[in-house]
C-alpha atoms as a PDB file:
ATOM      1  CA  MET A   1       0.000   0.000   0.000  1.00  0.00           C
ATOM      2  CA  GLN A   2       1.078   3.549  -0.676  1.00  0.00           C
ATOM      3  CA  GLY A   3       1.072   6.737   1.362  1.00  0.00           C
ATOM      4  CA  ASP A   4       1.891   7.742   4.922  1.00  0.00           C
ATOM      5  CA  ALA A   5      -1.634   8.273   6.179  1.00  0.00           C
ATOM      6  CA  ILE A   6      -5.199   7.650   5.176  1.00  0.00           C
ATOM      7  CA  GLU A   7      -8.143   9.981   5.645  1.00  0.00           C
ATOM      8  CA  THR A   8     -10.415   8.337   8.209  1.00  0.00           C
ATOM      9  CA  ALA A   9     -12.983  11.148   8.479  1.00  0.00           C
ATOM     10  CA  ALA A  10     -15.575  10.767   5.754  1.00  0.00           C
ATOM     11  CA  LEU A  11     -17.032  13.534   3.647  1.00  0.00           C
ATOM     12  CA  PRO A  12     -20.640  14.593   4.282  1.00  0.00           C
ATOM     13  CA  ALA A  13     -23.184  12.247   2.714  1.00  0.00           C
ATOM     14  CA  SER A  14     -24.524  14.976   0.430  1.00  0.00           C
ATOM     15  CA  ARG A  15     -21.058  15.501  -1.044  1.00  0.00           C
ATOM     16  CA  LYS A  16     -20.578  11.790  -1.668  1.00  0.00           C
ATOM     17  CA  ARG A  17     -23.949  11.614  -3.402  1.00  0.00           C
ATOM     18  CA  ARG A  18     -23.033  14.514  -5.669  1.00  0.00           C
ATOM     19  CA  ASP A  19     -19.733  12.798  -6.439  1.00  0.00           C
ATOM     20  CA  LEU A  20     -21.587   9.652  -7.501  1.00  0.00           C
ATOM     21  CA  ARG A  21     -23.953  11.635  -9.694  1.00  0.00           C
ATOM     22  CA  ALA A  22     -20.956  13.310 -11.343  1.00  0.00           C
ATOM     23  CA  LEU A  23     -19.496   9.879 -12.106  1.00  0.00           C
ATOM     24  CA  ILE A  24     -22.764   8.731 -13.660  1.00  0.00           C
ATOM     25  CA  ALA A  25     -22.949  11.898 -15.749  1.00  0.00           C
ATOM     26  CA  GLY A  26     -19.434  11.310 -17.096  1.00  0.00           C
ATOM     27  CA  GLN A  27     -18.319   9.634 -20.278  1.00  0.00           C
ATOM     28  CA  ARG A  28     -16.746   6.565 -18.694  1.00  0.00           C
ATOM     29  CA  CYS A  29     -18.210   3.450 -17.158  1.00  0.00           C
ATOM     30  CA  VAL A  30     -16.818   2.773 -13.671  1.00  0.00           C
ATOM     31  CA  ALA A  31     -16.472  -0.353 -11.537  1.00  0.00           C
ATOM     32  CA  PRO A  32     -17.097   0.089  -7.801  1.00  0.00           C
ATOM     33  CA  ALA A  33     -15.115  -1.797  -5.179  1.00  0.00           C
ATOM     34  CA  SER A  34     -17.030  -4.561  -3.440  1.00  0.00           C
ATOM     35  CA  VAL A  35     -16.701  -3.815   0.293  1.00  0.00           C
ATOM     36  CA  PHE A  36     -17.897  -5.525   3.441  1.00  0.00           C
ATOM     37  CA  ASP A  37     -16.622  -3.506   6.426  1.00  0.00           C
ATOM     38  CA  PRO A  38     -14.952  -0.165   7.325  1.00  0.00           C
ATOM     39  CA  ILE A  39     -11.381  -1.321   6.662  1.00  0.00           C
ATOM     40  CA  SER A  40     -12.221  -2.745   3.238  1.00  0.00           C
ATOM     41  CA  ALA A  41     -13.880   0.603   2.476  1.00  0.00           C
ATOM     42  CA  ARG A  42     -10.716   2.506   3.428  1.00  0.00           C
ATOM     43  CA  ILE A  43      -8.595   0.169   1.323  1.00  0.00           C
ATOM     44  CA  ALA A  44     -10.892   0.885  -1.644  1.00  0.00           C
ATOM     45  CA  GLY A  45     -10.352   4.606  -1.185  1.00  0.00           C
ATOM     46  CA  GLU A  46      -6.597   4.231  -0.865  1.00  0.00           C
ATOM     47  CA  LEU A  47      -6.460   2.182  -4.064  1.00  0.00           C
ATOM     48  CA  GLY A  48      -8.290   4.897  -5.983  1.00  0.00           C
ATOM     49  CA  PHE A  49     -11.690   3.334  -6.564  1.00  0.00           C
ATOM     50  CA  PRO A  50     -14.333   5.953  -7.403  1.00  0.00           C
ATOM     51  CA  ALA A  51     -17.198   4.271  -5.512  1.00  0.00           C
ATOM     52  CA  MET A  52     -18.127   1.250  -3.383  1.00  0.00           C
ATOM     53  CA  MET A  53     -20.819  -1.417  -3.485  1.00  0.00           C
ATOM     54  CA  LEU A  54     -22.350  -3.349  -0.590  1.00  0.00           C
ATOM     55  CA  ALA A  55     -24.200  -6.326  -2.025  1.00  0.00           C
ATOM     56  CA  GLY A  56     -27.043  -8.101  -0.274  1.00  0.00           C
ATOM     57  CA  SER A  57     -25.170 -11.407  -0.436  1.00  0.00           C
ATOM     58  CA  VAL A  58     -22.054  -9.807   1.044  1.00  0.00           C
ATOM     59  CA  ALA A  59     -24.046  -8.182   3.833  1.00  0.00           C
ATOM     60  CA  SER A  60     -25.719 -11.498   4.686  1.00  0.00           C
ATOM     61  CA  ILE A  61     -22.343 -13.196   4.948  1.00  0.00           C
ATOM     62  CA  ALA A  62     -20.709 -10.375   6.918  1.00  0.00           C
ATOM     63  CA  VAL A  63     -23.553  -9.891   9.409  1.00  0.00           C
ATOM     64  CA  LEU A  64     -25.121 -13.334   9.733  1.00  0.00           C
ATOM     65  CA  GLY A  65     -22.672 -15.797   8.234  1.00  0.00           C
ATOM     66  CA  ALA A  66     -25.676 -16.862   6.171  1.00  0.00           C
ATOM     67  CA  PRO A  67     -26.346 -17.330   2.443  1.00  0.00           C
ATOM     68  CA  ASP A  68     -28.206 -14.790   0.332  1.00  0.00           C
ATOM     69  CA  VAL A  69     -31.737 -15.968   1.135  1.00  0.00           C
ATOM     70  CA  THR A  70     -33.146 -12.645   2.409  1.00  0.00           C
ATOM     71  CA  THR A  71     -32.902 -13.361   6.121  1.00  0.00           C
ATOM     72  CA  ILE A  72     -30.931 -10.204   6.951  1.00  0.00           C
ATOM     73  CA  THR A  73     -33.109  -7.391   8.314  1.00  0.00           C
ATOM     74  CA  LEU A  74     -33.243  -3.743   7.281  1.00  0.00           C
ATOM     75  CA  SER A  75     -31.796  -2.617  10.612  1.00  0.00           C
ATOM     76  CA  GLU A  76     -28.865  -5.031  10.256  1.00  0.00           C
ATOM     77  CA  LEU A  77     -28.184  -3.838   6.716  1.00  0.00           C
ATOM     78  CA  SER A  78     -28.423  -0.151   7.614  1.00  0.00           C
ATOM     79  CA  ASP A  79     -26.126  -0.613  10.621  1.00  0.00           C
ATOM     80  CA  LEU A  80     -23.454  -2.185   8.435  1.00  0.00           C
ATOM     81  CA  ALA A  81     -23.896   0.502   5.763  1.00  0.00           C
ATOM     82  CA  ARG A  82     -23.563   3.241   8.402  1.00  0.00           C
ATOM     83  CA  ARG A  83     -20.266   1.793   9.662  1.00  0.00           C
ATOM     84  CA  ILE A  84     -18.902   1.659   6.129  1.00  0.00           C
ATOM     85  CA  CYS A  85     -20.079   5.178   5.242  1.00  0.00           C
ATOM     86  CA  ARG A  86     -18.554   6.800   8.333  1.00  0.00           C
ATOM     87  CA  ALA A  87     -15.176   5.228   7.523  1.00  0.00           C
ATOM     88  CA  SER A  88     -14.785   6.383   3.927  1.00  0.00           C
ATOM     89  CA  SER A  89     -15.290   9.379   1.663  1.00  0.00           C
ATOM     90  CA  LEU A  90     -16.256   7.195  -1.283  1.00  0.00           C
ATOM     91  CA  PRO A  91     -19.951   7.027  -2.237  1.00  0.00           C
ATOM     92  CA  LEU A  92     -21.561   3.743  -1.214  1.00  0.00           C
ATOM     93  CA  ILE A  93     -24.174   1.959  -3.325  1.00  0.00           C
ATOM     94  CA  VAL A  94     -26.260  -0.553  -1.376  1.00  0.00           C
ATOM     95  CA  ASP A  95     -28.186  -3.512  -2.725  1.00  0.00           C
ATOM     96  CA  ALA A  96     -31.469  -3.113  -0.834  1.00  0.00           C
ATOM     97  CA  ASP A  97     -32.978  -6.222  -2.416  1.00  0.00           C
ATOM     98  CA  HIS A  98     -36.792  -5.918  -2.623  1.00  0.00           C
ATOM     99  CA  GLY A  99     -36.922  -3.022  -0.157  1.00  0.00           C
ATOM    100  CA  TYR A 100     -37.789  -5.426   2.674  1.00  0.00           C
ATOM    101  CA  GLY A 101     -41.453  -5.712   1.839  1.00  0.00           C
ATOM    102  CA  ASN A 102     -44.077  -3.751  -0.069  1.00  0.00           C
ATOM    103  CA  ALA A 103     -43.955  -0.134  -1.251  1.00  0.00           C
ATOM    104  CA  LEU A 104     -44.429   1.188   2.292  1.00  0.00           C
ATOM    105  CA  ASN A 105     -41.477  -0.882   3.460  1.00  0.00           C
ATOM    106  CA  VAL A 106     -39.485   0.553   0.562  1.00  0.00           C
ATOM    107  CA  ARG A 107     -40.143   4.037   1.914  1.00  0.00           C
ATOM    108  CA  ARG A 108     -38.761   2.965   5.284  1.00  0.00           C
ATOM    109  CA  THR A 109     -35.748   1.373   3.581  1.00  0.00           C
ATOM    110  CA  VAL A 110     -34.934   4.635   1.831  1.00  0.00           C
ATOM    111  CA  GLU A 111     -35.324   6.606   5.053  1.00  0.00           C
ATOM    112  CA  GLU A 112     -32.980   4.314   6.976  1.00  0.00           C
ATOM    113  CA  LEU A 113     -30.287   4.007   4.327  1.00  0.00           C
ATOM    114  CA  GLU A 114     -30.359   7.700   3.471  1.00  0.00           C
ATOM    115  CA  GLN A 115     -29.815   8.507   7.155  1.00  0.00           C
ATOM    116  CA  ALA A 116     -26.978   5.967   7.220  1.00  0.00           C
ATOM    117  CA  GLY A 117     -25.113   8.048   4.630  1.00  0.00           C
ATOM    118  CA  VAL A 118     -25.629   5.810   1.603  1.00  0.00           C
ATOM    119  CA  ALA A 119     -25.348   7.467  -1.822  1.00  0.00           C
ATOM    120  CA  ALA A 120     -27.593   5.109  -3.814  1.00  0.00           C
ATOM    121  CA  ILE A 121     -29.712   1.997  -3.400  1.00  0.00           C
ATOM    122  CA  THR A 122     -31.019  -0.631  -5.765  1.00  0.00           C
ATOM    123  CA  ILE A 123     -34.590  -1.883  -5.476  1.00  0.00           C
ATOM    124  CA  GLU A 124     -35.418  -5.022  -7.430  1.00  0.00           C
ATOM    125  CA  ASP A 125     -38.528  -6.667  -8.812  1.00  0.00           C
ATOM    126  CA  THR A 126     -37.723 -10.195  -7.662  1.00  0.00           C
ATOM    127  CA  ASP A 127     -40.358 -11.784  -5.439  1.00  0.00           C
ATOM    128  CA  LEU A 128     -38.423 -12.107  -2.165  1.00  0.00           C
ATOM    129  CA  PRO A 129     -38.063 -14.097  -0.017  1.00  0.00           C
ATOM    130  CA  ASP A 130     -38.557 -17.173  -2.170  1.00  0.00           C
ATOM    131  CA  ARG A 131     -42.143 -18.332  -2.562  1.00  0.00           C
ATOM    132  CA  PHE A 132     -43.283 -21.505  -0.836  1.00  0.00           C
ATOM    133  CA  GLY A 133     -42.598 -24.404  -3.160  1.00  0.00           C
ATOM    134  CA  SER A 134     -40.446 -22.354  -5.546  1.00  0.00           C
ATOM    135  CA  ARG A 135     -37.419 -24.611  -4.921  1.00  0.00           C
ATOM    136  CA  GLY A 136     -35.058 -21.694  -5.378  1.00  0.00           C
ATOM    137  CA  VAL A 137     -36.457 -20.629  -8.748  1.00  0.00           C
ATOM    138  CA  PRO A 138     -36.948 -16.829  -8.594  1.00  0.00           C
ATOM    139  CA  TRP A 139     -40.146 -15.086  -9.645  1.00  0.00           C
ATOM    140  CA  LEU A 140     -40.801 -11.479 -10.598  1.00  0.00           C
ATOM    141  CA  ILE A 141     -43.505  -9.380  -8.978  1.00  0.00           C
ATOM    142  CA  PRO A 142     -46.075  -7.761 -11.288  1.00  0.00           C
ATOM    143  CA  LEU A 143     -44.769  -4.723 -13.125  1.00  0.00           C
ATOM    144  CA  ASP A 144     -47.334  -2.393 -11.564  1.00  0.00           C
ATOM    145  CA  GLU A 145     -46.194  -3.431  -8.086  1.00  0.00           C
ATOM    146  CA  ALA A 146     -42.533  -3.007  -9.026  1.00  0.00           C
ATOM    147  CA  VAL A 147     -43.209   0.481 -10.407  1.00  0.00           C
ATOM    148  CA  GLY A 148     -45.049   1.362  -7.193  1.00  0.00           C
ATOM    149  CA  LYS A 149     -41.939   0.463  -5.225  1.00  0.00           C
ATOM    150  CA  ILE A 150     -39.745   2.719  -7.372  1.00  0.00           C
ATOM    151  CA  ARG A 151     -42.201   5.584  -7.035  1.00  0.00           C
ATOM    152  CA  ALA A 152     -42.245   5.087  -3.259  1.00  0.00           C
ATOM    153  CA  ALA A 153     -38.445   5.096  -3.098  1.00  0.00           C
ATOM    154  CA  VAL A 154     -38.171   8.315  -5.104  1.00  0.00           C
ATOM    155  CA  ALA A 155     -40.827  10.026  -3.000  1.00  0.00           C
ATOM    156  CA  ALA A 156     -39.244   8.956   0.298  1.00  0.00           C
ATOM    157  CA  ARG A 157     -35.824  10.534  -0.183  1.00  0.00           C
ATOM    158  CA  THR A 158     -35.167  13.904   1.431  1.00  0.00           C
ATOM    159  CA  ASP A 159     -31.856  14.574  -0.322  1.00  0.00           C
ATOM    160  CA  PRO A 160     -32.489  14.924  -4.064  1.00  0.00           C
ATOM    161  CA  SER A 161     -28.914  13.759  -4.691  1.00  0.00           C
ATOM    162  CA  PHE A 162     -29.689  10.344  -3.175  1.00  0.00           C
ATOM    163  CA  MET A 163     -29.994   7.941  -6.106  1.00  0.00           C
ATOM    164  CA  VAL A 164     -32.648   5.281  -6.664  1.00  0.00           C
ATOM    165  CA  VAL A 165     -31.724   2.429  -8.997  1.00  0.00           C
ATOM    166  CA  GLY A 166     -34.529   0.283 -10.385  1.00  0.00           C
ATOM    167  CA  ARG A 167     -33.310  -3.277 -10.754  1.00  0.00           C
ATOM    168  CA  THR A 168     -34.835  -6.151 -12.655  1.00  0.00           C
ATOM    169  CA  GLY A 169     -34.016  -9.796 -12.237  1.00  0.00           C
ATOM    170  CA  GLY A 170     -35.749 -10.459 -15.524  1.00  0.00           C
ATOM    171  CA  ALA A 171     -32.748 -11.460 -17.605  1.00  0.00           C
ATOM    172  CA  GLY A 172     -32.886 -15.224 -17.845  1.00  0.00           C
ATOM    173  CA  LEU A 173     -36.383 -15.247 -16.318  1.00  0.00           C
ATOM    174  CA  ALA A 174     -38.363 -13.429 -18.979  1.00  0.00           C
ATOM    175  CA  ASP A 175     -37.940 -12.441 -22.606  1.00  0.00           C
ATOM    176  CA  ILE A 176     -35.833  -9.484 -23.668  1.00  0.00           C
ATOM    177  CA  ASP A 177     -38.885  -7.382 -24.535  1.00  0.00           C
ATOM    178  CA  ASP A 178     -40.247  -7.775 -21.011  1.00  0.00           C
ATOM    179  CA  VAL A 179     -36.893  -6.875 -19.452  1.00  0.00           C
ATOM    180  CA  ARG A 180     -36.691  -3.765 -21.626  1.00  0.00           C
ATOM    181  CA  ARG A 181     -40.290  -2.867 -20.767  1.00  0.00           C
ATOM    182  CA  ARG A 182     -39.523  -3.126 -17.041  1.00  0.00           C
ATOM    183  CA  LEU A 183     -36.392  -0.992 -17.276  1.00  0.00           C
ATOM    184  CA  ARG A 184     -38.263   1.718 -19.173  1.00  0.00           C
ATOM    185  CA  ALA A 185     -41.093   1.644 -16.647  1.00  0.00           C
ATOM    186  CA  PHE A 186     -38.619   2.088 -13.776  1.00  0.00           C
ATOM    187  CA  ALA A 187     -37.034   5.051 -15.547  1.00  0.00           C
ATOM    188  CA  GLU A 188     -40.432   6.631 -16.176  1.00  0.00           C
ATOM    189  CA  ALA A 189     -41.273   6.149 -12.481  1.00  0.00           C
ATOM    190  CA  GLY A 190     -38.288   8.319 -11.574  1.00  0.00           C
ATOM    191  CA  ALA A 191     -35.400   5.878 -11.147  1.00  0.00           C
ATOM    192  CA  ASP A 192     -32.050   7.635 -11.618  1.00  0.00           C
ATOM    193  CA  MET A 193     -30.510   4.467 -13.048  1.00  0.00           C
ATOM    194  CA  VAL A 194     -31.696   1.026 -14.089  1.00  0.00           C
ATOM    195  CA  PHE A 195     -29.932  -2.178 -13.113  1.00  0.00           C
ATOM    196  CA  VAL A 196     -29.922  -5.324 -15.187  1.00  0.00           C
ATOM    197  CA  ARG A 197     -28.350  -8.614 -14.219  1.00  0.00           C
ATOM    198  CA  GLY A 198     -28.038 -11.975 -15.875  1.00  0.00           C
ATOM    199  CA  VAL A 199     -27.165 -10.832 -19.393  1.00  0.00           C
ATOM    200  CA  GLU A 200     -24.137 -12.760 -20.575  1.00  0.00           C
ATOM    201  CA  THR A 201     -23.561 -11.545 -24.132  1.00  0.00           C
ATOM    202  CA  PHE A 202     -23.115  -8.198 -25.823  1.00  0.00           C
ATOM    203  CA  GLU A 203     -26.120  -8.994 -27.999  1.00  0.00           C
ATOM    204  CA  GLN A 204     -28.338  -9.478 -24.932  1.00  0.00           C
ATOM    205  CA  LEU A 205     -26.987  -6.273 -23.392  1.00  0.00           C
ATOM    206  CA  HIS A 206     -27.806  -4.205 -26.453  1.00  0.00           C
ATOM    207  CA  GLY A 207     -31.210  -5.863 -26.653  1.00  0.00           C
ATOM    208  CA  VAL A 208     -32.281  -4.845 -23.138  1.00  0.00           C
ATOM    209  CA  LEU A 209     -30.812  -1.336 -23.392  1.00  0.00           C
ATOM    210  CA  ASP A 210     -32.179  -0.547 -26.837  1.00  0.00           C
ATOM    211  CA  GLY A 211     -33.878   2.864 -26.834  1.00  0.00           C
ATOM    212  CA  LEU A 212     -33.112   3.492 -23.158  1.00  0.00           C
ATOM    213  CA  ASP A 213     -31.956   7.016 -22.246  1.00  0.00           C
ATOM    214  CA  THR A 214     -31.452   6.394 -18.517  1.00  0.00           C
ATOM    215  CA  PRO A 215     -27.938   5.393 -17.339  1.00  0.00           C
ATOM    216  CA  ALA A 216     -27.604   1.680 -16.722  1.00  0.00           C
ATOM    217  CA  PHE A 217     -25.994  -0.436 -14.009  1.00  0.00           C
ATOM    218  CA  LEU A 218     -24.796  -3.868 -15.129  1.00  0.00           C
ATOM    219  CA  GLY A 219     -24.205  -6.888 -12.923  1.00  0.00           C
ATOM    220  CA  THR A 220     -22.571  -9.781 -14.732  1.00  0.00           C
ATOM    221  CA  SER A 221     -20.497 -12.865 -14.032  1.00  0.00           C
ATOM    222  CA  ASN A 222     -19.032 -12.684 -17.542  1.00  0.00           C
ATOM    223  CA  ARG A 223     -15.654 -10.992 -17.098  1.00  0.00           C
ATOM    224  CA  ALA A 224     -15.365 -10.399 -20.848  1.00  0.00           C
ATOM    225  CA  LEU A 225     -18.648  -8.470 -20.815  1.00  0.00           C
ATOM    226  CA  ALA A 226     -17.313  -6.205 -18.041  1.00  0.00           C
ATOM    227  CA  ASP A 227     -15.000  -4.419 -20.485  1.00  0.00           C
ATOM    228  CA  ILE A 228     -14.835  -0.800 -19.295  1.00  0.00           C
ATOM    229  CA  ASP A 229     -13.805   0.600 -22.675  1.00  0.00           C
ATOM    230  CA  TYR A 230     -16.603  -1.206 -24.483  1.00  0.00           C
ATOM    231  CA  LEU A 231     -19.256  -0.400 -21.886  1.00  0.00           C
ATOM    232  CA  SER A 232     -18.289   3.281 -21.931  1.00  0.00           C
ATOM    233  CA  ASN A 233     -19.726   3.414 -25.446  1.00  0.00           C
ATOM    234  CA  THR A 234     -23.088   2.129 -24.204  1.00  0.00           C
ATOM    235  CA  ALA A 235     -25.588   3.421 -21.644  1.00  0.00           C
ATOM    236  CA  VAL A 236     -23.815   1.429 -18.906  1.00  0.00           C
ATOM    237  CA  ARG A 237     -22.131   3.722 -16.384  1.00  0.00           C
ATOM    238  CA  ILE A 238     -21.558   1.235 -13.554  1.00  0.00           C
ATOM    239  CA  VAL A 239     -20.497  -2.389 -13.889  1.00  0.00           C
ATOM    240  CA  LEU A 240     -20.272  -4.716 -10.929  1.00  0.00           C
ATOM    241  CA  LYS A 241     -17.626  -7.388 -11.419  1.00  0.00           C
ATOM    242  CA  GLY A 242     -18.460  -9.615  -8.467  1.00  0.00           C
ATOM    243  CA  HIS A 243     -17.330  -9.831  -4.853  1.00  0.00           C
ATOM    244  CA  ARG A 244     -13.803 -11.219  -4.880  1.00  0.00           C
ATOM    245  CA  PRO A 245     -12.442  -9.056  -2.009  1.00  0.00           C
ATOM    246  CA  MET A 246     -14.576 -10.724   0.670  1.00  0.00           C
ATOM    247  CA  MET A 247     -13.848 -14.192  -0.683  1.00  0.00           C
ATOM    248  CA  ALA A 248     -10.116 -13.405  -0.788  1.00  0.00           C
ATOM    249  CA  ALA A 249     -10.214 -12.081   2.776  1.00  0.00           C
ATOM    250  CA  TYR A 250     -11.907 -15.186   4.138  1.00  0.00           C
ATOM    251  CA  HIS A 251      -9.528 -17.399   2.179  1.00  0.00           C
ATOM    252  CA  ALA A 252      -6.616 -15.614   3.859  1.00  0.00           C
ATOM    253  CA  VAL A 253      -8.249 -16.017   7.278  1.00  0.00           C
ATOM    254  CA  GLN A 254      -8.655 -19.730   6.679  1.00  0.00           C
ATOM    255  CA  ALA A 255      -5.027 -20.084   5.581  1.00  0.00           C
ATOM    256  CA  ALA A 256      -3.699 -18.090   8.545  1.00  0.00           C
ATOM    257  CA  MET A 257      -5.748 -20.072  11.068  1.00  0.00           C
ATOM    258  CA  ALA A 258      -4.676 -23.366   9.526  1.00  0.00           C
ATOM    259  CA  ALA A 259      -1.038 -22.272   9.707  1.00  0.00           C
ATOM    260  CA  ASP A 260      -1.423 -21.267  13.372  1.00  0.00           C
ATOM    261  CA  ARG A 261      -3.045 -24.614  14.162  1.00  0.00           C
ATOM    262  CA  ASP A 262      -0.246 -26.524  12.440  1.00  0.00           C
ATOM    263  CA  GLY A 263       2.593 -24.377  13.771  1.00  0.00           C
ATOM    264  CA  LYS A 264       3.560 -23.105  10.339  1.00  0.00           C
ATOM    265  CA  THR A 265       4.506 -19.630   9.138  1.00  0.00           C
ATOM    266  CA  GLY A 266       1.400 -19.115   7.073  1.00  0.00           C
ATOM    267  CA  PRO A 267       0.558 -16.479   4.441  1.00  0.00           C
ATOM    268  CA  PRO A 268       1.717 -12.840   4.582  1.00  0.00           C
ATOM    269  CA  VAL A 269      -0.325 -10.565   6.830  1.00  0.00           C
ATOM    270  CA  LEU A 270      -1.033  -6.837   6.877  1.00  0.00           C
ATOM    271  CA  SER A 271       1.925  -4.985   8.362  1.00  0.00           C
ATOM    272  CA  ALA A 272       1.613  -3.073  11.616  1.00  0.00           C
ATOM    273  CA  GLY A 273       2.301   0.136   9.701  1.00  0.00           C
ATOM    274  CA  ASP A 274      -0.450  -0.532   7.184  1.00  0.00           C
ATOM    275  CA  LEU A 275      -2.921  -1.346   9.948  1.00  0.00           C
ATOM    276  CA  ASP A 276      -1.965   1.805  11.858  1.00  0.00           C
ATOM    277  CA  ARG A 277      -2.605   3.853   8.721  1.00  0.00           C
ATOM    278  CA  LEU A 278      -5.919   2.210   7.924  1.00  0.00           C
ATOM    279  CA  THR A 279      -7.209   2.630  11.463  1.00  0.00           C
ATOM    280  CA  GLY A 280      -5.976   6.240  11.767  1.00  0.00           C
ATOM    281  CA  GLN A 281      -3.584   5.480  14.622  1.00  0.00           C
ATOM    282  CA  ALA A 282      -1.743   8.822  14.296  1.00  0.00           C
ATOM    283  CA  LYS A 283      -4.979  10.760  14.405  1.00  0.00           C
ATOM    284  CA  TYR A 284      -6.067   9.065  17.607  1.00  0.00           C
ATOM    285  CA  GLU A 285      -2.660   9.705  19.171  1.00  0.00           C
ATOM    286  CA  THR A 286      -3.184  13.392  18.442  1.00  0.00           C
ATOM    287  CA  TYR A 287      -6.620  13.215  20.068  1.00  0.00           C
ATOM    288  CA  LEU A 288      -5.064  11.667  23.169  1.00  0.00           C
ATOM    289  CA  GLU A 289      -2.468  14.421  23.311  1.00  0.00           C
ATOM    290  CA  ASP A 290      -5.027  17.186  22.826  1.00  0.00           C
ATOM    291  CA  TYR A 291      -7.909  15.939  24.921  1.00  0.00           C
ATOM    292  CA  HIS A 292      -6.585  13.363  27.362  1.00  0.00           C
ATOM    293  CA  GLY A 293      -3.928  15.156  29.322  1.00  0.00           C
ATOM    294  CA  GLY A 294      -1.010  14.467  27.012  1.00  0.00           C
ATOM    295  CA  ALA A 295      -1.298  10.704  27.218  1.00  0.00           C
ATOM    296  CA  GLY A 296       1.439  10.284  24.624  1.00  0.00           C
ATOM    297  CA  ARG A 297       1.905   7.451  22.158  1.00  0.00           C
ATOM    298  CA  ARG A 298       0.263   4.153  22.884  1.00  0.00           C
ATOM    299  CA  GLU A 299       1.296   0.849  21.409  1.00  0.00           C
ATOM    300  CA  SER A 300      -0.756   0.021  18.356  1.00  0.00           C
ATOM    301  CA  HIS A 301      -2.750  -3.162  18.399  1.00  0.00           C
ATOM    302  CA  HIS A 302      -1.936  -5.179  15.331  1.00  0.00           C
ATOM    303  CA  LEU A 303      -1.947  -8.712  14.041  1.00  0.00           C
ATOM    304  CA  GLY A 304       1.797  -9.061  13.527  1.00  0.00           C
END
């Protein structure tokens, strides 16, 4: 890692939201960092990412150690988002799933996440949690109901810079015409962006975005499709490339624990200096000097 210190005091939420809007209004598609806690958020900022994403699956793992089956609650999600937002000056986009219920619940979701400092949320049209007897096969809610949720989200925000992203899970579940119809309906309902997932080819991407003026957010598992240069010439302004950072972190934890158990050296770990920088050790030492009777330097607590 580079640099002597990292900024641990975040910008005001309104500023971060304006920064995200400026990115969306630009000529280039951007890829946000997938984050899962305050330190991963600070690392994203230090590495120069323009924005961050907290996915529903990532939040479920981080908070509950559970799979992405919509068991996390709104309060648990907003608490995690708040911790991430207060630690970084990057705008955070949060996957708010189905808004935790009907259109009234969506209003509450917007209120909570806006107060947490989030810059944008996605609201999707998937029928969540899974229906009884669905055996894991997702369903879409009726378009009128989905549009009502987007309208509720737009109406609930108090900061006009807070962004609402209308997301459809239709790719792979419905035909291209229906996906395109849903995206257009979300845009007409006031969504600042539209999110499409599941498309795996450039042909499918162009099919769902045909005639769409609203900026698009793409989630794809196809790394070739996540070509920033190519996407910059389409309506796509954000592309989510997956959630490797959390998986890499847990892999490292597993390797380090196994090495400790077996009495081996194990993989490299974050240096004490890097951890001090990421946690703002120097800043807190200054606070101790200024406010705590000149307490002086304390030993940093690190993993080395």
